[in-house]
Every structure is written in C-alpha cells, then in structure tokens.
Amino acid sequence: MAKISGPLLSLAARGSVGPRLTFSLRPSGQQARFQRSQTDFDTSARTIERDFFIEATEQWATLTADNKQDWTDYIF
C-alpha cells in the first residue's frame, strides 16, 4: 500500500476546512494549522473607527462609477 504524505489525500491542499483548520503551502512544505478564534474587545476607539468606516462605505456607495474610477486612479 502507498504511503500518503500530503494533507487531505492531496499533494497540494490549500484553503480551509470548516472555520478553524487551514491548509497551506509554506517554504518549509505543506502545512496544516489550527486557527484560534480571535477575541474582539469592544473599546471606544474601535467603536469610533468602525463608525468612521461604515460612514465612508456609505459615502462610497453614493458615488457614480466615474467618481469611483477617479478615486481608484488617484490611489493606485
């Protein structure tokens, strides 16, 4: 019987299985990692930043396609 040396019966598995198990190719070879869930602390600074981002997203949605292209060209 052949010996399997790659993750998920594959030599090039990439991506996630479920919310926590992630397969990737690193310079050291194939890797399977368990992603710990991150805690989200609700601080006043984060609340202000999130509100700012929500407002900017809403303003972006009101722009025309030409205005969006102008901003994209300016930034990139």
C-alpha atoms as a PDB file:
ATOM      1  CA  MET A   1       0.000   0.000   0.000  1.00  0.00           C
ATOM      2  CA  ALA A   2       1.261   3.504  -0.857  1.00  0.00           C
ATOM      3  CA  LYS A   3       2.174   5.864   1.917  1.00  0.00           C
ATOM      4  CA  ILE A   4       0.309   9.183   1.889  1.00  0.00           C
ATOM      5  CA  SER A   5       2.487  12.167   2.744  1.00  0.00           C
ATOM      6  CA  GLY A   6       0.218  15.093   1.829  1.00  0.00           C
ATOM      7  CA  PRO A   7      -2.718  16.583   3.710  1.00  0.00           C
ATOM      8  CA  LEU A   8      -6.277  15.566   2.783  1.00  0.00           C
ATOM      9  CA  LEU A   9      -5.072  12.862   0.385  1.00  0.00           C
ATOM     10  CA  SER A  10      -3.559  15.592  -1.796  1.00  0.00           C
ATOM     11  CA  LEU A  11      -0.082  16.911  -2.514  1.00  0.00           C
ATOM     12  CA  ALA A  12      -1.300  20.479  -2.868  1.00  0.00           C
ATOM     13  CA  ALA A  13      -4.159  21.031  -0.436  1.00  0.00           C
ATOM     14  CA  ARG A  14      -4.893  24.720   0.178  1.00  0.00           C
ATOM     15  CA  GLY A  15      -7.705  26.542   1.894  1.00  0.00           C
ATOM     16  CA  SER A  16      -9.826  25.946   4.951  1.00  0.00           C
ATOM     17  CA  VAL A  17     -11.906  23.058   6.179  1.00  0.00           C
ATOM     18  CA  GLY A  18     -14.505  24.462   8.494  1.00  0.00           C
ATOM     19  CA  PRO A  19     -13.881  27.675  10.395  1.00  0.00           C
ATOM     20  CA  ARG A  20     -10.600  26.657  12.027  1.00  0.00           C
ATOM     21  CA  LEU A  21      -8.471  24.141  10.057  1.00  0.00           C
ATOM     22  CA  THR A  22      -6.361  25.724   7.310  1.00  0.00           C
ATOM     23  CA  PHE A  23      -4.036  24.035   4.821  1.00  0.00           C
ATOM     24  CA  SER A  24      -1.316  25.996   3.045  1.00  0.00           C
ATOM     25  CA  LEU A  25       1.971  25.638   1.194  1.00  0.00           C
ATOM     26  CA  ARG A  26       4.843  27.308   3.022  1.00  0.00           C
ATOM     27  CA  PRO A  27       8.529  27.423   2.066  1.00  0.00           C
ATOM     28  CA  SER A  28       9.032  24.614   4.575  1.00  0.00           C
ATOM     29  CA  GLY A  29       6.394  22.481   2.813  1.00  0.00           C
ATOM     30  CA  GLN A  30       2.727  21.648   3.236  1.00  0.00           C
ATOM     31  CA  GLN A  31       1.247  22.848   6.481  1.00  0.00           C
ATOM     32  CA  ALA A  32      -1.989  22.253   8.358  1.00  0.00           C
ATOM     33  CA  ARG A  33      -2.717  24.820  11.058  1.00  0.00           C
ATOM     34  CA  PHE A  34      -5.428  25.266  13.607  1.00  0.00           C
ATOM     35  CA  GLN A  35      -6.629  28.870  13.607  1.00  0.00           C
ATOM     36  CA  ARG A  36      -7.505  30.116  17.048  1.00  0.00           C
ATOM     37  CA  SER A  37     -10.527  32.365  17.153  1.00  0.00           C
ATOM     38  CA  GLN A  38      -9.665  35.950  17.866  1.00  0.00           C
ATOM     39  CA  THR A  39     -11.323  37.831  20.653  1.00  0.00           C
ATOM     40  CA  ASP A  40     -12.955  41.097  19.753  1.00  0.00           C
ATOM     41  CA  PHE A  41     -12.726  43.667  22.506  1.00  0.00           C
ATOM     42  CA  ASP A  42     -15.283  46.438  22.229  1.00  0.00           C
ATOM     43  CA  THR A  43     -13.340  49.580  23.088  1.00  0.00           C
ATOM     44  CA  SER A  44     -14.367  53.166  22.479  1.00  0.00           C
ATOM     45  CA  ALA A  45     -11.518  53.644  19.988  1.00  0.00           C
ATOM     46  CA  ARG A  46     -12.662  50.634  17.936  1.00  0.00           C
ATOM     47  CA  THR A  47     -16.264  51.786  18.023  1.00  0.00           C
ATOM     48  CA  ILE A  48     -15.225  55.213  16.671  1.00  0.00           C
ATOM     49  CA  GLU A  49     -13.098  53.584  13.941  1.00  0.00           C
ATOM     50  CA  ARG A  50     -15.897  51.198  12.932  1.00  0.00           C
ATOM     51  CA  ASP A  51     -18.407  54.051  12.762  1.00  0.00           C
ATOM     52  CA  PHE A  52     -15.993  56.018  10.588  1.00  0.00           C
ATOM     53  CA  PHE A  53     -15.537  53.031   8.259  1.00  0.00           C
ATOM     54  CA  ILE A  54     -19.308  52.461   7.997  1.00  0.00           C
ATOM     55  CA  GLU A  55     -19.838  56.127   7.123  1.00  0.00           C
ATOM     56  CA  ALA A  56     -17.066  56.046   4.496  1.00  0.00           C
ATOM     57  CA  THR A  57     -18.561  52.881   2.966  1.00  0.00           C
ATOM     58  CA  GLU A  58     -21.993  54.503   2.746  1.00  0.00           C
ATOM     59  CA  GLN A  59     -20.497  57.603   1.090  1.00  0.00           C
ATOM     60  CA  TRP A  60     -18.585  55.415  -1.399  1.00  0.00           C
ATOM     61  CA  ALA A  61     -21.857  53.723  -2.366  1.00  0.00           C
ATOM     62  CA  THR A  62     -23.378  57.087  -3.303  1.00  0.00           C
ATOM     63  CA  LEU A  63     -20.588  57.931  -5.800  1.00  0.00           C
ATOM     64  CA  THR A  64     -21.059  57.476  -9.524  1.00  0.00           C
ATOM     65  CA  ALA A  65     -18.965  54.992 -11.467  1.00  0.00           C
ATOM     66  CA  ASP A  66     -16.848  57.841 -12.910  1.00  0.00           C
ATOM     67  CA  ASN A  67     -16.159  59.277  -9.459  1.00  0.00           C
ATOM     68  CA  LYS A  68     -15.175  55.847  -8.154  1.00  0.00           C
ATOM     69  CA  GLN A  69     -12.800  55.379 -11.098  1.00  0.00           C
ATOM     70  CA  ASP A  70     -11.233  58.785 -10.443  1.00  0.00           C
ATOM     71  CA  TRP A  71     -10.561  57.814  -6.812  1.00  0.00           C
ATOM     72  CA  THR A  72      -9.198  54.412  -7.845  1.00  0.00           C
ATOM     73  CA  ASP A  73      -6.854  56.021 -10.363  1.00  0.00           C
ATOM     74  CA  TYR A  74      -5.717  58.592  -7.783  1.00  0.00           C
ATOM     75  CA  ILE A  75      -4.979  55.991  -5.089  1.00  0.00           C
ATOM     76  CA  PHE A  76      -3.389  53.308  -7.257  1.00  0.00           C
END
